[in-house]
N, C-alpha and C. Protein backbone atom coordinates (compact mmCIF):
# COMPACT_ATOMS: atom_id res chain seq x y z
N MET A 1 30.52 -12.14 10.02
CA MET A 1 30.78 -13.03 8.91
C MET A 1 30.92 -12.19 7.64
N ASP A 2 31.95 -12.46 6.88
CA ASP A 2 32.24 -11.69 5.68
C ASP A 2 31.70 -12.44 4.46
N LEU A 3 30.62 -11.94 3.88
CA LEU A 3 29.98 -12.60 2.74
C LEU A 3 30.30 -11.85 1.45
N THR A 4 30.56 -12.61 0.39
CA THR A 4 30.71 -12.00 -0.92
C THR A 4 29.35 -12.02 -1.62
N ILE A 5 29.24 -11.34 -2.76
CA ILE A 5 27.97 -11.31 -3.46
C ILE A 5 27.61 -12.69 -4.01
N TYR A 6 28.62 -13.53 -4.24
CA TYR A 6 28.37 -14.88 -4.74
C TYR A 6 27.90 -15.82 -3.63
N ASP A 7 28.25 -15.50 -2.38
CA ASP A 7 27.77 -16.29 -1.25
C ASP A 7 26.33 -15.95 -0.89
N ILE A 8 25.93 -14.72 -1.12
CA ILE A 8 24.61 -14.26 -0.70
C ILE A 8 23.50 -14.90 -1.54
N VAL A 9 23.63 -14.84 -2.86
CA VAL A 9 22.60 -15.38 -3.75
C VAL A 9 22.92 -16.84 -4.01
N ARG A 10 22.03 -17.73 -3.57
CA ARG A 10 22.26 -19.16 -3.72
C ARG A 10 21.60 -19.73 -4.97
N GLY A 11 20.49 -19.16 -5.40
CA GLY A 11 19.83 -19.66 -6.60
C GLY A 11 18.35 -19.34 -6.59
N PRO A 12 17.70 -19.54 -7.74
CA PRO A 12 16.27 -19.22 -7.81
C PRO A 12 15.41 -20.33 -7.20
N VAL A 13 14.23 -19.94 -6.77
CA VAL A 13 13.23 -20.91 -6.32
C VAL A 13 12.32 -21.16 -7.51
N ILE A 14 12.23 -22.41 -7.94
CA ILE A 14 11.46 -22.74 -9.13
C ILE A 14 10.18 -23.46 -8.70
N THR A 15 9.11 -22.69 -8.57
CA THR A 15 7.80 -23.22 -8.25
C THR A 15 6.78 -22.51 -9.13
N ASP A 16 5.56 -23.00 -9.12
CA ASP A 16 4.50 -22.35 -9.89
C ASP A 16 4.25 -20.92 -9.40
N LYS A 17 4.27 -20.74 -8.10
CA LYS A 17 4.03 -19.41 -7.55
C LYS A 17 5.17 -18.45 -7.92
N ALA A 18 6.40 -18.93 -7.88
CA ALA A 18 7.54 -18.09 -8.23
C ALA A 18 7.47 -17.70 -9.71
N TYR A 19 7.07 -18.62 -10.56
CA TYR A 19 6.94 -18.32 -11.99
C TYR A 19 5.85 -17.27 -12.22
N LYS A 20 4.75 -17.40 -11.49
CA LYS A 20 3.64 -16.45 -11.62
C LYS A 20 4.06 -15.05 -11.15
N LEU A 21 4.79 -14.98 -10.03
CA LEU A 21 5.27 -13.69 -9.53
C LEU A 21 6.24 -13.05 -10.53
N ASN A 22 7.08 -13.87 -11.15
CA ASN A 22 8.06 -13.34 -12.08
C ASN A 22 7.40 -12.82 -13.35
N SER A 23 6.42 -13.54 -13.85
CA SER A 23 5.83 -13.14 -15.13
C SER A 23 4.82 -12.00 -14.98
N LYS A 24 4.06 -11.96 -13.90
CA LYS A 24 3.01 -10.95 -13.78
C LYS A 24 3.41 -9.72 -12.97
N LEU A 25 4.19 -9.90 -11.93
CA LEU A 25 4.49 -8.79 -11.03
C LEU A 25 5.95 -8.35 -11.08
N ASN A 26 6.76 -8.95 -11.97
CA ASN A 26 8.17 -8.62 -12.11
C ASN A 26 8.91 -8.80 -10.79
N GLN A 27 8.60 -9.91 -10.09
CA GLN A 27 9.26 -10.24 -8.84
C GLN A 27 10.06 -11.52 -9.03
N LEU A 28 11.12 -11.67 -8.26
CA LEU A 28 11.99 -12.82 -8.34
C LEU A 28 12.11 -13.43 -6.96
N VAL A 29 11.96 -14.75 -6.86
CA VAL A 29 12.09 -15.45 -5.59
C VAL A 29 13.41 -16.21 -5.63
N ILE A 30 14.31 -15.91 -4.69
CA ILE A 30 15.61 -16.55 -4.68
C ILE A 30 15.95 -17.05 -3.28
N LEU A 31 16.78 -18.08 -3.22
CA LEU A 31 17.33 -18.55 -1.95
C LEU A 31 18.55 -17.70 -1.63
N VAL A 32 18.67 -17.30 -0.38
CA VAL A 32 19.81 -16.48 0.04
C VAL A 32 20.48 -17.11 1.25
N HIS A 33 21.65 -16.63 1.57
CA HIS A 33 22.42 -17.12 2.71
C HIS A 33 21.66 -16.79 3.99
N PRO A 34 21.71 -17.68 4.99
CA PRO A 34 20.96 -17.41 6.23
C PRO A 34 21.39 -16.15 6.98
N HIS A 35 22.60 -15.66 6.76
CA HIS A 35 23.06 -14.45 7.45
C HIS A 35 22.87 -13.19 6.61
N ALA A 36 22.29 -13.31 5.43
CA ALA A 36 22.09 -12.15 4.56
C ALA A 36 20.88 -11.34 5.02
N ASN A 37 20.97 -10.02 4.84
CA ASN A 37 19.83 -9.16 5.15
C ASN A 37 19.36 -8.47 3.87
N LYS A 38 18.36 -7.60 3.99
CA LYS A 38 17.78 -6.96 2.82
C LYS A 38 18.79 -6.10 2.06
N VAL A 39 19.60 -5.39 2.78
CA VAL A 39 20.57 -4.50 2.14
C VAL A 39 21.60 -5.31 1.36
N LEU A 40 22.10 -6.39 1.94
CA LEU A 40 23.08 -7.22 1.25
C LEU A 40 22.49 -7.87 0.01
N VAL A 41 21.24 -8.33 0.10
CA VAL A 41 20.58 -8.95 -1.06
C VAL A 41 20.41 -7.93 -2.17
N ARG A 42 19.99 -6.73 -1.83
CA ARG A 42 19.81 -5.66 -2.83
C ARG A 42 21.12 -5.35 -3.54
N GLU A 43 22.18 -5.16 -2.76
CA GLU A 43 23.48 -4.82 -3.35
C GLU A 43 24.01 -5.95 -4.22
N ALA A 44 23.85 -7.19 -3.78
CA ALA A 44 24.35 -8.34 -4.54
C ALA A 44 23.62 -8.47 -5.87
N LEU A 45 22.30 -8.33 -5.88
CA LEU A 45 21.56 -8.45 -7.13
C LEU A 45 21.87 -7.31 -8.09
N GLU A 46 22.01 -6.11 -7.56
CA GLU A 46 22.32 -4.97 -8.43
C GLU A 46 23.71 -5.11 -9.06
N LYS A 47 24.67 -5.68 -8.33
CA LYS A 47 26.01 -5.87 -8.89
C LYS A 47 26.06 -7.08 -9.83
N LEU A 48 25.41 -8.18 -9.46
CA LEU A 48 25.49 -9.39 -10.27
C LEU A 48 24.76 -9.27 -11.60
N PHE A 49 23.54 -8.74 -11.58
CA PHE A 49 22.69 -8.75 -12.77
C PHE A 49 22.50 -7.38 -13.41
N ASP A 50 23.11 -6.34 -12.84
CA ASP A 50 23.01 -4.99 -13.38
C ASP A 50 21.55 -4.55 -13.54
N VAL A 51 20.79 -4.67 -12.46
CA VAL A 51 19.38 -4.27 -12.43
C VAL A 51 19.18 -3.31 -11.27
N LYS A 52 18.01 -2.67 -11.23
CA LYS A 52 17.64 -1.79 -10.12
C LYS A 52 16.55 -2.50 -9.31
N VAL A 53 16.76 -2.60 -8.02
CA VAL A 53 15.83 -3.29 -7.13
C VAL A 53 14.96 -2.27 -6.43
N GLU A 54 13.66 -2.52 -6.46
CA GLU A 54 12.71 -1.60 -5.81
C GLU A 54 12.46 -2.00 -4.36
N CYS A 55 12.24 -3.30 -4.12
CA CYS A 55 11.85 -3.76 -2.79
C CYS A 55 12.38 -5.17 -2.56
N VAL A 56 12.78 -5.46 -1.32
CA VAL A 56 13.23 -6.80 -0.94
C VAL A 56 12.46 -7.23 0.29
N ARG A 57 11.86 -8.41 0.21
CA ARG A 57 11.17 -8.99 1.37
C ARG A 57 11.84 -10.32 1.69
N ILE A 58 12.05 -10.60 2.97
CA ILE A 58 12.76 -11.79 3.41
C ILE A 58 11.79 -12.73 4.12
N ILE A 59 11.91 -14.03 3.81
CA ILE A 59 11.11 -15.08 4.45
C ILE A 59 12.09 -16.07 5.06
N VAL A 60 11.92 -16.39 6.34
CA VAL A 60 12.74 -17.39 7.00
C VAL A 60 11.87 -18.59 7.32
N ARG A 61 12.26 -19.74 6.77
CA ARG A 61 11.53 -20.98 7.01
C ARG A 61 12.40 -21.89 7.86
N LYS A 62 11.97 -22.14 9.06
CA LYS A 62 12.73 -23.00 9.95
C LYS A 62 12.65 -24.44 9.46
N GLY A 63 13.66 -25.22 9.81
CA GLY A 63 13.70 -26.61 9.39
C GLY A 63 12.62 -27.43 10.06
N LYS A 64 12.15 -28.42 9.33
CA LYS A 64 11.12 -29.29 9.89
C LYS A 64 11.73 -30.21 10.94
N ARG A 65 10.94 -30.53 11.94
CA ARG A 65 11.42 -31.37 13.03
C ARG A 65 10.80 -32.75 12.90
N ARG A 66 11.64 -33.76 12.93
CA ARG A 66 11.17 -35.15 12.82
C ARG A 66 11.63 -35.91 14.06
N VAL A 67 10.75 -36.74 14.56
CA VAL A 67 11.06 -37.54 15.74
C VAL A 67 11.17 -38.99 15.29
N GLY A 68 12.22 -39.67 15.73
CA GLY A 68 12.44 -41.06 15.35
C GLY A 68 11.43 -41.99 15.98
N SER A 69 11.50 -43.26 15.59
CA SER A 69 10.53 -44.25 16.04
C SER A 69 10.62 -44.50 17.54
N ASN A 70 11.81 -44.43 18.12
CA ASN A 70 11.94 -44.68 19.55
C ASN A 70 11.84 -43.40 20.38
N LYS A 71 11.51 -42.30 19.75
CA LYS A 71 11.28 -40.99 20.37
C LYS A 71 12.51 -40.46 21.11
N ARG A 72 13.66 -41.01 20.82
CA ARG A 72 14.89 -40.49 21.38
C ARG A 72 15.67 -39.72 20.33
N GLN A 73 15.33 -39.94 19.10
CA GLN A 73 16.07 -39.34 18.01
C GLN A 73 15.25 -38.19 17.41
N ILE A 74 15.74 -36.98 17.56
CA ILE A 74 15.08 -35.81 17.01
C ILE A 74 16.00 -35.21 15.95
N VAL A 75 15.47 -35.09 14.74
CA VAL A 75 16.25 -34.57 13.63
C VAL A 75 15.59 -33.28 13.16
N THR A 76 16.39 -32.25 12.97
CA THR A 76 15.89 -30.97 12.50
C THR A 76 16.47 -30.68 11.13
N GLY A 77 15.62 -30.28 10.20
CA GLY A 77 16.07 -29.95 8.85
C GLY A 77 16.76 -28.60 8.81
N ALA A 78 17.29 -28.29 7.66
CA ALA A 78 18.04 -27.05 7.51
C ALA A 78 17.11 -25.83 7.40
N LEU A 79 17.60 -24.70 7.89
CA LEU A 79 16.88 -23.44 7.80
C LEU A 79 16.99 -22.92 6.36
N GLN A 80 15.90 -22.40 5.82
CA GLN A 80 15.91 -21.81 4.49
C GLN A 80 15.53 -20.34 4.60
N LYS A 81 16.26 -19.52 3.88
CA LYS A 81 15.95 -18.10 3.85
C LYS A 81 15.72 -17.73 2.39
N LYS A 82 14.55 -17.15 2.12
CA LYS A 82 14.20 -16.76 0.76
C LYS A 82 14.01 -15.25 0.72
N ALA A 83 14.25 -14.69 -0.46
CA ALA A 83 14.03 -13.27 -0.67
C ALA A 83 13.11 -13.11 -1.87
N ILE A 84 12.05 -12.32 -1.69
CA ILE A 84 11.18 -11.95 -2.81
C ILE A 84 11.59 -10.53 -3.20
N VAL A 85 12.14 -10.41 -4.39
CA VAL A 85 12.73 -9.17 -4.84
C VAL A 85 11.86 -8.58 -5.94
N THR A 86 11.42 -7.33 -5.76
CA THR A 86 10.67 -6.62 -6.79
C THR A 86 11.64 -5.73 -7.54
N LEU A 87 11.67 -5.92 -8.86
CA LEU A 87 12.56 -5.13 -9.71
C LEU A 87 11.84 -3.89 -10.20
N LYS A 88 12.60 -2.84 -10.45
CA LYS A 88 12.00 -1.61 -10.97
C LYS A 88 11.53 -1.82 -12.40
N GLU A 89 10.63 -0.97 -12.83
CA GLU A 89 10.03 -1.05 -14.17
C GLU A 89 11.13 -1.00 -15.24
N GLY A 90 11.06 -1.90 -16.18
CA GLY A 90 12.02 -1.93 -17.27
C GLY A 90 13.17 -2.90 -17.06
N TYR A 91 13.32 -3.47 -15.87
CA TYR A 91 14.39 -4.42 -15.58
C TYR A 91 13.79 -5.81 -15.41
N SER A 92 14.54 -6.82 -15.81
CA SER A 92 14.08 -8.19 -15.61
C SER A 92 15.29 -9.11 -15.54
N ILE A 93 15.09 -10.25 -14.89
CA ILE A 93 16.10 -11.30 -14.79
C ILE A 93 15.43 -12.59 -15.23
N ASP A 94 16.03 -13.28 -16.19
CA ASP A 94 15.46 -14.53 -16.68
C ASP A 94 16.07 -15.70 -15.91
N ALA A 95 15.88 -15.72 -14.60
CA ALA A 95 16.46 -16.76 -13.76
C ALA A 95 15.69 -18.06 -13.84
N LEU A 96 14.41 -17.98 -14.20
CA LEU A 96 13.59 -19.19 -14.28
C LEU A 96 13.62 -19.83 -15.66
N GLY A 97 14.32 -19.21 -16.60
CA GLY A 97 14.37 -19.77 -17.94
C GLY A 97 13.00 -19.76 -18.59
N GLN A 98 12.32 -18.63 -18.55
CA GLN A 98 10.95 -18.55 -19.04
C GLN A 98 10.84 -18.89 -20.51
N GLN A 99 11.85 -18.55 -21.31
CA GLN A 99 11.76 -18.85 -22.73
C GLN A 99 11.71 -20.35 -22.93
N GLY A 100 12.53 -21.09 -22.20
CA GLY A 100 12.50 -22.54 -22.30
C GLY A 100 11.22 -23.12 -21.73
N PHE A 101 10.70 -22.50 -20.65
CA PHE A 101 9.48 -22.99 -20.03
C PHE A 101 8.29 -22.80 -20.96
N ASP A 102 8.22 -21.64 -21.63
CA ASP A 102 7.11 -21.38 -22.54
C ASP A 102 7.14 -22.35 -23.72
N ALA A 103 8.33 -22.74 -24.17
CA ALA A 103 8.43 -23.68 -25.27
C ALA A 103 8.02 -25.07 -24.83
N ALA A 104 8.20 -25.39 -23.54
CA ALA A 104 7.85 -26.71 -23.05
C ALA A 104 6.36 -26.86 -22.78
N VAL A 105 5.66 -25.75 -22.58
CA VAL A 105 4.21 -25.81 -22.32
C VAL A 105 3.50 -26.00 -23.65
N PRO A 106 2.67 -27.05 -23.77
CA PRO A 106 2.00 -27.29 -25.05
C PRO A 106 0.99 -26.20 -25.36
N SER A 107 0.95 -25.81 -26.60
CA SER A 107 -0.01 -24.80 -27.02
C SER A 107 -1.37 -25.44 -27.23
N GLU A 108 -2.40 -24.62 -27.48
CA GLU A 108 -3.75 -25.14 -27.66
C GLU A 108 -3.84 -26.00 -28.91
N LYS A 109 -3.17 -25.59 -29.98
CA LYS A 109 -3.22 -26.34 -31.24
C LYS A 109 -2.57 -27.71 -31.08
N ALA A 110 -1.48 -27.77 -30.34
CA ALA A 110 -0.80 -29.04 -30.15
C ALA A 110 -1.65 -29.99 -29.31
N SER A 111 -2.33 -29.46 -28.29
CA SER A 111 -3.16 -30.31 -27.45
C SER A 111 -4.40 -30.78 -28.21
N GLU A 112 -4.95 -29.91 -29.09
CA GLU A 112 -6.09 -30.32 -29.90
C GLU A 112 -5.69 -31.40 -30.89
N ALA A 113 -4.50 -31.30 -31.46
CA ALA A 113 -4.03 -32.29 -32.43
C ALA A 113 -3.82 -33.63 -31.74
N SER A 114 -3.32 -33.62 -30.51
CA SER A 114 -3.10 -34.89 -29.82
C SER A 114 -4.42 -35.52 -29.41
N VAL A 115 -5.42 -34.72 -29.09
CA VAL A 115 -6.75 -35.26 -28.75
C VAL A 115 -7.39 -35.87 -29.99
N GLN A 116 -7.26 -35.19 -31.14
CA GLN A 116 -7.85 -35.71 -32.37
C GLN A 116 -7.14 -36.98 -32.81
N GLY A 117 -5.83 -37.08 -32.56
CA GLY A 117 -5.09 -38.26 -32.94
C GLY A 117 -5.45 -39.47 -32.10
N GLN A 118 -5.94 -39.26 -30.87
CA GLN A 118 -6.31 -40.36 -30.00
C GLN A 118 -7.66 -40.93 -30.33
N GLU A 119 -8.52 -40.16 -31.02
CA GLU A 119 -9.87 -40.62 -31.30
C GLU A 119 -9.91 -41.63 -32.37
């Protein structure tokens, strides 16, 4: 299968754990194509975002299996492949929109003002 760099990287995973990895350990969690391997993911990220990749780890999550009410219908969800990418020191990708996320998180002063306003 002939994959381009745009086919390999599908998008970021936006969860609390992914945000924590990105902010503290300079790691990025992204969804990748099911046929992509570590080498392809590394090359695609280095070309797309002009960064240096230190390490790539791949996680394959098989689709969940559901059985219908009459036990004749078995449905399987889609396979997901994720890559946890560690960037070299000095490089970063703002795929999670951290600047917008930090602005959306209420500060201590704002939360204190809202508590005082409710009393």
